[in-house]
Amino acid sequence: MSNKFTNAVRTLTGGRGISQYSMVIALVVIIVIFEILTGGLTLNQGNVINVVQQYSYILILAIGMVMVIIAGHIDLSVGSVAAFVGIIVAKSMSDWHLPPALAILLGLVVGALVGAWQGFWVAFVRVPAFIVTLAGQLIFRGGNQLFGQSSSQSTPDSYNWIGNGFLPDPGWGVPANLWTCIIGVIIVAVIVFLEVRGRQRRVRMGANRRPLWTSIVKVVALGLVTLFATYLFATGRAGTSLPIVGIIAGVLIIIYTFVTNNTIFGRQIYAVGGNAAAAVLSGVSSRRVNFFVMFNMSVLAAVAGMVFIGNATASGPFDGTGWELDAIAAVFVGGAAVAGGIGTVPGSIIGALVMAFLANGLSLLGVPSEWTSIIRGLVLLVAVAFDVYNKSQGRPSFTGALLRGLGIGRNRAQGQAVTETALPENPSKPSLG
């Protein structure tokens, strides 16, 4: 019986074994354990909505941080940049009387300027990103306190919807938020489409050796999770539904997953992180890649800072403290490699959800903050150690198998140099440059 079960699992996972899904399993286990310990509070509609709103900054920052780490860098300034942008946006509305839309545009411009500044030092002056962003952490934290005079600045209700608003209810008498239900159904349809398309592509390439039932199991499992999440968001307390910040994060996840997986520039990021010298020889502009990932990270930090002050209804001098560690932890828990060249946006989101639900569950249990910090640190250490062990055995990262099965993952965790797929067949005509 055990042999049949083992064989079924290996068939479902493409011969990789259930250990390759360990972080996905860990997320489920964490949620189930806290659901039991808190008496059902973890999966309460109100709590799930609060998790999305309160920890959305981790999701947004993880999207940018995984690209930085794939390229072989690190960014220690994201928390300070988010706080710096946050106080500027808040002050612009209170002191300069800018409407919220212009204030948001101003925040994006400031984030872009900060990103260009840091990208210049990394890409063109060739100062290590660790040093550049460590300096940026000090500069922009000081800028936040100087500009805000080390005090809090409230934000108007007309702006706060970006952080604590919800999809409106059309008021058609449906006992659930209709728009949230529609979005859930669309996501399920996309899951089915991606699995069917991926299976057809593997058949055309002669690489599809998995039985049909494996695809059915994956689609059903992911579909049920999506529908359950839709139910939680759509049937919460009156006036709530899918948070606006959840939509913002979801759109960013889709965009950046497409960029990293399906564009030439996305492959260039992996190439530079995997082997910069070989990437340059194949026609890739490492300066352009390094500039973009640093620039992009600061823009996303600005977005995270703006949604955070919208949720908190104020900007303060201690906003963003430790955010860079949260983002880095989420990326590494999600299967990225310290040396660069390996990682996925969806994998980092799984890692961010692990850290978010862990912090939320400990908070619901009333665990003191010092113990919360210790536990989260141990989880990060164990997760990365397990991933390193898997890779030392020639196995892929734990999120790679699930994501690749849907045709959305390109985690190169099997020890293959990323530049092998990046190098052009004809050196005179670089396919990546």
Protein backbone atom coordinates (compact mmCIF):
# COMPACT_ATOMS: atom_id res chain seq x y z
CA MET A 1 0.00 0.00 0.00
CA SER A 2 2.79 2.38 0.93
CA ASN A 3 4.59 1.64 -2.34
CA LYS A 4 1.46 2.45 -4.32
CA PHE A 5 1.05 5.73 -2.45
CA THR A 6 4.72 6.61 -2.98
CA ASN A 7 4.49 5.84 -6.68
CA ALA A 8 1.32 7.92 -7.00
CA VAL A 9 3.01 10.87 -5.29
CA ARG A 10 6.07 10.60 -7.51
CA THR A 11 3.84 10.45 -10.59
CA LEU A 12 1.92 13.51 -9.45
CA THR A 13 5.12 15.45 -8.78
CA GLY A 14 6.85 14.34 -11.95
CA GLY A 15 9.23 12.00 -10.13
CA ARG A 16 10.44 14.66 -7.70
CA GLY A 17 8.68 13.45 -4.56
CA ILE A 18 6.51 15.27 -2.08
CA SER A 19 9.51 17.00 -0.46
CA GLN A 20 9.64 19.40 -3.39
CA TYR A 21 6.32 20.84 -2.24
CA SER A 22 7.53 21.31 1.31
CA MET A 23 7.00 25.06 1.51
CA VAL A 24 3.50 24.83 0.05
CA ILE A 25 2.80 22.07 2.57
CA ALA A 26 4.38 24.19 5.31
CA LEU A 27 2.00 27.05 4.49
CA VAL A 28 -0.99 24.70 4.76
CA VAL A 29 0.31 23.16 7.98
CA ILE A 30 0.93 26.59 9.55
CA ILE A 31 -2.59 27.70 8.71
CA VAL A 32 -4.16 24.46 9.99
CA ILE A 33 -2.16 24.49 13.24
CA PHE A 34 -3.06 28.09 14.02
CA GLU A 35 -6.67 27.44 13.00
CA ILE A 36 -6.83 24.74 15.67
CA LEU A 37 -4.88 26.64 18.33
CA THR A 38 -6.89 29.85 17.88
CA GLY A 39 -10.26 28.11 17.82
CA GLY A 40 -11.03 28.96 14.21
CA LEU A 41 -9.82 32.57 14.22
CA THR A 42 -7.09 32.13 11.59
CA LEU A 43 -9.50 31.34 8.74
CA ASN A 44 -12.16 33.68 10.00
CA GLN A 45 -13.22 35.98 7.18
CA GLY A 46 -12.25 39.09 9.08
CA ASN A 47 -8.80 37.75 9.96
CA VAL A 48 -7.99 36.65 6.41
CA ILE A 49 -8.95 40.11 5.15
CA ASN A 50 -6.78 41.69 7.86
CA VAL A 51 -3.81 39.52 6.86
CA VAL A 52 -4.06 40.73 3.27
CA GLN A 53 -4.34 44.36 4.33
CA GLN A 54 -1.74 44.37 7.11
CA TYR A 55 0.91 42.26 5.38
CA SER A 56 0.40 43.41 1.81
CA TYR A 57 3.68 45.32 1.96
CA ILE A 58 5.55 41.99 2.25
CA LEU A 59 3.88 40.69 -0.91
CA ILE A 60 4.68 43.83 -2.89
CA LEU A 61 8.26 44.08 -1.67
CA ALA A 62 8.88 40.36 -2.29
CA ILE A 63 8.01 40.83 -5.96
CA GLY A 64 10.78 43.37 -6.43
CA MET A 65 13.24 41.74 -4.03
CA VAL A 66 13.19 38.39 -5.83
CA MET A 67 14.30 40.12 -9.05
CA VAL A 68 17.10 41.89 -7.16
CA ILE A 69 18.26 38.61 -5.62
CA ILE A 70 17.96 36.68 -8.90
CA ALA A 71 20.30 39.27 -10.42
CA GLY A 72 22.79 38.59 -7.61
CA HIS A 73 22.19 41.67 -5.46
CA ILE A 74 20.49 42.63 -2.21
CA ASP A 75 18.53 45.77 -1.25
CA LEU A 76 18.65 46.91 2.37
CA SER A 77 16.95 50.24 1.77
CA VAL A 78 13.39 49.24 0.89
CA GLY A 79 11.92 49.95 4.33
CA SER A 80 13.50 53.40 4.50
CA VAL A 81 12.48 54.20 0.91
CA ALA A 82 8.88 53.17 1.68
CA ALA A 83 8.85 55.37 4.79
CA PHE A 84 10.42 58.29 2.89
CA VAL A 85 7.83 58.11 0.12
CA GLY A 86 5.05 57.64 2.67
CA ILE A 87 5.81 60.85 4.55
CA ILE A 88 6.17 62.83 1.32
CA VAL A 89 2.80 61.59 0.07
CA ALA A 90 1.11 62.32 3.40
CA LYS A 91 2.66 65.80 3.63
CA SER A 92 1.77 66.60 0.03
CA MET A 93 -1.91 66.09 0.81
CA SER A 94 -1.95 67.89 4.17
CA ASP A 95 0.44 70.77 3.51
CA TRP A 96 0.34 71.21 -0.26
CA HIS A 97 -3.32 70.15 -0.60
CA LEU A 98 -2.65 67.81 -3.50
CA PRO A 99 -5.55 65.52 -4.43
CA PRO A 100 -4.93 61.83 -3.70
CA ALA A 101 -4.37 60.92 -7.34
CA LEU A 102 -1.60 63.50 -7.74
CA ALA A 103 -0.12 62.52 -4.38
CA ILE A 104 0.11 58.90 -5.54
CA LEU A 105 1.72 60.03 -8.80
CA LEU A 106 4.20 62.11 -6.79
CA GLY A 107 5.02 59.05 -4.67
CA LEU A 108 5.73 56.98 -7.77
CA VAL A 109 7.97 59.74 -9.18
CA VAL A 110 9.92 59.96 -5.91
CA GLY A 111 10.31 56.18 -5.86
CA ALA A 112 11.54 56.26 -9.47
CA LEU A 113 14.09 58.98 -8.68
CA VAL A 114 15.36 57.04 -5.69
CA GLY A 115 15.58 53.90 -7.83
CA ALA A 116 17.47 55.76 -10.56
CA TRP A 117 19.88 57.12 -7.95
CA GLN A 118 20.63 53.70 -6.49
CA GLY A 119 20.62 51.99 -9.86
CA PHE A 120 23.22 54.47 -11.14
CA TRP A 121 25.65 53.65 -8.34
CA VAL A 122 25.20 49.90 -8.75
CA ALA A 123 25.11 49.66 -12.55
CA PHE A 124 27.50 52.38 -13.69
CA VAL A 125 29.80 53.19 -10.78
CA ARG A 126 29.81 49.48 -9.85
CA VAL A 127 29.51 50.01 -6.13
CA PRO A 128 28.15 46.76 -4.59
CA ALA A 129 24.40 46.93 -4.07
CA PHE A 130 24.86 45.94 -0.43
CA ILE A 131 26.85 49.15 0.20
CA VAL A 132 24.65 51.37 -1.97
CA THR A 133 21.44 50.28 -0.29
CA LEU A 134 22.97 50.30 3.19
CA ALA A 135 23.81 53.94 2.53
CA GLY A 136 20.30 54.40 1.14
CA GLN A 137 18.82 52.91 4.29
CA LEU A 138 20.55 55.59 6.36
CA ILE A 139 19.91 58.43 3.91
CA PHE A 140 16.20 57.85 3.38
CA ARG A 141 15.47 56.99 7.01
CA GLY A 142 17.04 60.31 7.91
CA GLY A 143 15.09 61.94 5.09
CA ASN A 144 11.83 60.55 6.49
CA GLN A 145 12.53 61.95 9.94
CA LEU A 146 13.82 65.26 8.60
CA PHE A 147 10.93 65.82 6.21
CA GLY A 148 8.33 64.68 8.73
CA GLN A 149 10.08 66.31 11.70
CA SER A 150 10.03 62.90 13.44
CA SER A 151 6.26 63.06 13.89
CA SER A 152 3.22 61.32 12.43
CA GLN A 153 1.15 62.79 9.63
CA SER A 154 -2.42 61.62 9.08
CA THR A 155 -3.85 60.91 5.63
CA PRO A 156 -7.37 61.84 4.40
CA ASP A 157 -10.18 59.31 4.01
CA SER A 158 -10.27 60.00 0.28
CA TYR A 159 -6.77 58.53 0.06
CA ASN A 160 -7.03 55.71 2.60
CA TRP A 161 -9.14 53.49 0.31
CA ILE A 162 -5.87 52.41 -1.33
CA GLY A 163 -4.91 50.61 1.88
CA ASN A 164 -8.17 49.76 3.62
CA GLY A 165 -10.79 49.93 0.88
CA PHE A 166 -12.77 47.04 -0.63
CA LEU A 167 -14.47 46.11 -3.87
CA PRO A 168 -17.90 47.77 -3.85
CA ASP A 169 -21.07 45.73 -3.54
CA PRO A 170 -23.35 46.23 -6.58
CA GLY A 171 -26.34 45.87 -4.24
CA TRP A 172 -28.19 43.27 -6.29
CA GLY A 173 -29.35 41.32 -3.24
CA VAL A 174 -26.74 38.58 -3.64
CA PRO A 175 -25.62 37.20 -0.22
CA ALA A 176 -21.95 37.64 -1.21
CA ASN A 177 -19.88 40.30 -2.93
CA LEU A 178 -20.57 39.70 -6.62
CA TRP A 179 -17.38 41.26 -7.98
CA THR A 180 -15.24 39.15 -5.65
CA CYS A 181 -17.06 36.00 -6.83
CA ILE A 182 -16.51 36.95 -10.47
CA ILE A 183 -12.78 37.46 -9.89
CA GLY A 184 -12.58 34.06 -8.16
CA VAL A 185 -14.27 32.32 -11.09
CA ILE A 186 -11.93 34.06 -13.56
CA ILE A 187 -8.88 32.87 -11.58
CA VAL A 188 -10.15 29.28 -11.65
CA ALA A 189 -10.68 29.54 -15.41
CA VAL A 190 -7.12 30.84 -15.83
CA ILE A 191 -5.76 27.92 -13.76
CA VAL A 192 -7.56 25.45 -16.03
CA PHE A 193 -6.37 27.28 -19.16
CA LEU A 194 -2.72 27.32 -18.04
CA GLU A 195 -2.73 23.62 -17.18
CA VAL A 196 -4.37 22.67 -20.50
CA ARG A 197 -2.01 24.89 -22.48
CA GLY A 198 1.02 23.57 -20.62
CA ARG A 199 -0.04 19.98 -21.20
CA GLN A 200 -0.61 20.60 -24.90
CA ARG A 201 2.79 22.24 -25.20
CA ARG A 202 4.49 19.27 -23.53
CA VAL A 203 2.65 16.89 -25.86
CA ARG A 204 3.86 18.82 -28.93
CA MET A 205 7.42 18.66 -27.60
CA GLY A 206 7.08 14.97 -26.84
CA ALA A 207 7.85 15.59 -23.17
CA ASN A 208 4.46 14.87 -21.60
CA ARG A 209 4.75 11.59 -19.69
CA ARG A 210 2.34 12.35 -16.86
CA PRO A 211 -1.09 10.71 -16.78
CA LEU A 212 -4.14 12.90 -17.26
CA TRP A 213 -5.20 12.37 -13.64
CA THR A 214 -2.20 14.37 -12.38
CA SER A 215 -3.44 17.45 -14.22
CA ILE A 216 -6.96 16.90 -12.90
CA VAL A 217 -5.69 16.63 -9.31
CA LYS A 218 -3.66 19.85 -9.64
CA VAL A 219 -6.50 21.81 -11.18
CA VAL A 220 -9.03 20.57 -8.64
CA ALA A 221 -6.71 21.30 -5.69
CA LEU A 222 -5.82 24.81 -6.83
CA GLY A 223 -9.40 25.49 -7.88
CA LEU A 224 -10.76 24.49 -4.47
CA VAL A 225 -8.21 26.69 -2.70
CA THR A 226 -9.16 29.62 -4.95
CA LEU A 227 -12.88 29.12 -4.43
CA PHE A 228 -12.43 28.81 -0.66
CA ALA A 229 -10.44 32.06 -0.58
CA THR A 230 -13.14 33.68 -2.73
CA TYR A 231 -15.77 32.54 -0.24
CA LEU A 232 -13.82 34.03 2.67
CA PHE A 233 -13.42 37.39 0.96
CA ALA A 234 -16.94 37.53 -0.47
CA THR A 235 -18.85 36.61 2.68
CA GLY A 236 -17.08 38.64 5.36
CA ARG A 237 -18.69 41.22 7.60
CA ALA A 238 -20.92 43.83 5.98
CA GLY A 239 -19.00 46.38 3.95
CA THR A 240 -15.98 44.16 3.34
CA SER A 241 -14.90 42.05 0.38
CA LEU A 242 -11.67 41.58 -1.54
CA PRO A 243 -9.37 44.40 -0.36
CA ILE A 244 -8.19 46.93 -2.92
CA VAL A 245 -4.61 46.31 -1.81
CA GLY A 246 -5.13 42.62 -2.58
CA ILE A 247 -6.10 43.54 -6.13
CA ILE A 248 -3.03 45.79 -6.44
CA ALA A 249 -0.76 42.97 -5.22
CA GLY A 250 -2.49 40.45 -7.51
CA VAL A 251 -2.05 42.62 -10.59
CA LEU A 252 1.63 43.16 -9.75
CA ILE A 253 2.13 39.41 -9.28
CA ILE A 254 0.62 38.67 -12.70
CA ILE A 255 2.65 41.37 -14.45
CA TYR A 256 5.99 40.47 -12.91
CA THR A 257 5.44 36.73 -13.28
CA PHE A 258 4.88 37.32 -16.99
CA VAL A 259 7.95 39.59 -17.25
CA THR A 260 10.30 37.15 -15.53
CA ASN A 261 8.95 34.06 -17.29
CA ASN A 262 7.94 35.14 -20.77
CA THR A 263 10.09 38.06 -21.86
CA ILE A 264 13.62 38.39 -23.16
CA PHE A 265 14.45 40.85 -20.40
CA GLY A 266 13.23 38.38 -17.79
CA ARG A 267 15.65 35.76 -19.14
CA GLN A 268 18.40 38.35 -19.08
CA ILE A 269 17.88 38.87 -15.33
CA TYR A 270 18.35 35.14 -14.75
CA ALA A 271 21.35 35.12 -17.08
CA VAL A 272 23.14 37.95 -15.27
CA GLY A 273 22.46 36.37 -11.89
CA GLY A 274 23.51 32.89 -13.03
CA ASN A 275 26.74 33.88 -14.78
CA ALA A 276 27.27 37.57 -15.49
CA ALA A 277 30.41 37.07 -17.58
CA ALA A 278 28.76 34.53 -19.88
CA ALA A 279 25.66 36.71 -20.13
CA VAL A 280 27.72 39.70 -21.27
CA LEU A 281 29.49 37.55 -23.86
CA SER A 282 26.07 36.50 -25.19
CA GLY A 283 25.11 40.14 -25.76
CA VAL A 284 23.28 40.96 -22.51
CA SER A 285 23.76 44.45 -21.08
CA SER A 286 24.47 43.73 -17.43
CA ARG A 287 24.39 47.45 -16.68
CA ARG A 288 20.85 47.73 -17.99
CA VAL A 289 19.73 44.69 -16.01
CA ASN A 290 21.36 45.88 -12.79
CA PHE A 291 19.96 49.38 -13.20
CA PHE A 292 16.47 48.10 -13.83
CA VAL A 293 16.25 45.70 -10.88
CA MET A 294 17.41 48.40 -8.46
CA PHE A 295 15.16 51.02 -10.07
CA ASN A 296 12.19 48.67 -10.03
CA MET A 297 12.75 47.73 -6.39
CA SER A 298 12.51 51.35 -5.25
CA VAL A 299 9.34 51.93 -7.28
CA LEU A 300 7.70 48.89 -5.65
CA ALA A 301 8.95 50.08 -2.25
CA ALA A 302 7.15 53.36 -2.96
CA VAL A 303 3.96 51.42 -3.76
CA ALA A 304 4.33 49.42 -0.53
CA GLY A 305 4.83 52.59 1.47
CA MET A 306 1.77 54.25 -0.02
CA VAL A 307 -0.58 51.32 0.59
CA PHE A 308 0.78 50.97 4.12
CA ILE A 309 0.01 54.56 5.14
CA GLY A 310 -3.41 54.15 3.54
CA ASN A 311 -4.09 51.17 5.79
CA ALA A 312 -2.58 52.84 8.87
CA THR A 313 -4.28 56.20 7.98
CA ALA A 314 -1.04 57.98 8.85
CA SER A 315 2.68 58.11 8.07
CA GLY A 316 5.13 57.95 10.94
CA PRO A 317 8.89 58.09 11.64
CA PHE A 318 9.11 54.36 12.37
CA ASP A 319 7.28 53.12 9.28
CA GLY A 320 9.18 50.54 7.25
CA THR A 321 11.44 49.42 10.09
CA GLY A 322 12.66 45.90 9.31
CA TRP A 323 10.70 45.63 6.08
CA GLU A 324 13.80 44.78 4.09
CA LEU A 325 14.33 41.74 6.32
CA ASP A 326 10.72 40.64 5.83
CA ALA A 327 11.09 40.88 2.05
CA ILE A 328 14.44 39.09 1.96
CA ALA A 329 13.13 36.34 4.24
CA ALA A 330 10.06 35.84 2.02
CA VAL A 331 12.23 35.48 -1.08
CA PHE A 332 14.63 32.97 0.45
CA VAL A 333 11.83 30.97 2.08
CA GLY A 334 10.22 30.91 -1.37
CA GLY A 335 13.22 29.09 -2.84
CA ALA A 336 15.54 31.78 -4.21
CA ALA A 337 19.30 31.12 -4.17
CA VAL A 338 21.65 33.31 -2.18
CA ALA A 339 24.13 33.29 -5.05
CA GLY A 340 21.54 34.54 -7.56
CA GLY A 341 20.18 33.10 -10.79
CA ILE A 342 17.37 31.14 -9.11
CA GLY A 343 13.94 32.23 -7.88
CA THR A 344 10.37 32.90 -8.97
CA VAL A 345 7.82 35.58 -8.23
CA PRO A 346 5.08 33.06 -7.27
CA GLY A 347 7.56 31.19 -5.07
CA SER A 348 8.39 34.40 -3.23
CA ILE A 349 4.69 35.09 -2.73
CA ILE A 350 4.33 31.65 -1.12
CA GLY A 351 7.24 32.54 1.13
CA ALA A 352 5.64 35.89 1.97
CA LEU A 353 2.36 34.17 2.87
CA VAL A 354 4.24 31.75 5.12
CA MET A 355 5.84 34.64 7.01
CA ALA A 356 2.58 36.61 7.10
CA PHE A 357 0.41 33.80 8.47
CA LEU A 358 3.14 32.82 10.92
CA ALA A 359 3.30 36.35 12.32
CA ASN A 360 -0.48 36.64 12.32
CA GLY A 361 -0.99 33.31 14.07
CA LEU A 362 1.54 34.11 16.77
CA SER A 363 -0.15 37.48 17.27
CA LEU A 364 -3.57 35.82 17.66
CA LEU A 365 -2.09 33.54 20.31
CA GLY A 366 -0.69 36.52 22.19
CA VAL A 367 2.94 35.42 21.80
CA PRO A 368 5.30 38.24 22.89
CA SER A 369 7.05 40.12 20.07
CA GLU A 370 10.51 38.95 21.13
CA TRP A 371 9.47 35.29 20.81
CA THR A 372 7.74 36.03 17.52
CA SER A 373 11.02 37.37 16.16
CA ILE A 374 12.93 34.30 17.36
CA ILE A 375 10.42 31.87 15.84
CA ARG A 376 10.35 33.66 12.50
CA GLY A 377 14.14 33.64 12.39
CA LEU A 378 14.25 29.90 13.05
CA VAL A 379 11.65 29.27 10.33
CA LEU A 380 13.77 31.22 7.84
CA LEU A 381 16.91 29.31 8.80
CA VAL A 382 15.26 25.88 8.59
CA ALA A 383 13.52 26.67 5.28
CA VAL A 384 16.70 27.86 3.58
CA ALA A 385 18.73 24.98 5.03
CA PHE A 386 16.20 22.48 3.66
CA ASP A 387 16.32 24.16 0.27
CA VAL A 388 20.13 24.10 0.24
CA TYR A 389 20.04 20.39 1.09
CA ASN A 390 17.60 19.66 -1.73
CA LYS A 391 19.75 21.50 -4.22
CA SER A 392 22.90 19.71 -3.01
CA GLN A 393 21.10 16.47 -3.89
CA GLY A 394 20.37 17.73 -7.40
CA ARG A 395 16.69 18.39 -6.69
CA PRO A 396 14.73 21.49 -7.69
CA SER A 397 13.45 24.08 -5.26
CA PHE A 398 10.29 23.14 -3.42
CA THR A 399 8.06 25.65 -5.21
CA GLY A 400 9.43 24.99 -8.65
CA ALA A 401 7.60 21.76 -9.35
CA LEU A 402 4.15 23.14 -8.53
CA LEU A 403 4.64 26.34 -10.51
CA ARG A 404 6.25 24.66 -13.50
CA GLY A 405 3.33 22.24 -13.63
CA LEU A 406 1.05 25.17 -14.40
CA GLY A 407 3.50 26.57 -16.93
CA ILE A 408 4.26 29.66 -14.82
CA GLY A 409 7.48 28.69 -13.07
CA ARG A 410 11.06 28.95 -14.33
CA ASN A 411 12.94 28.18 -11.14
CA ARG A 412 16.33 26.90 -12.27
CA ALA A 413 17.08 24.97 -9.12
CA GLN A 414 18.41 21.79 -10.65
CA GLY A 415 21.97 23.06 -10.79
CA GLN A 416 21.79 23.96 -14.47
CA ALA A 417 23.52 27.20 -15.34
CA VAL A 418 20.90 29.68 -16.37
CA THR A 419 23.05 30.93 -19.17
CA GLU A 420 22.81 27.60 -20.95
CA THR A 421 19.33 28.61 -22.08
CA ALA A 422 20.33 32.21 -22.47
CA LEU A 423 23.29 31.82 -24.81
CA PRO A 424 22.39 32.28 -28.47
CA GLU A 425 22.88 29.58 -31.04
CA ASN A 426 24.55 32.11 -33.32
CA PRO A 427 26.98 34.31 -31.35
CA SER A 428 26.82 37.00 -34.02
CA LYS A 429 23.13 37.46 -33.32
CA PRO A 430 22.57 37.46 -29.55
CA SER A 431 19.11 36.23 -28.65
CA LEU A 432 19.09 38.11 -25.35
CA GLY A 433 20.52 41.47 -26.25
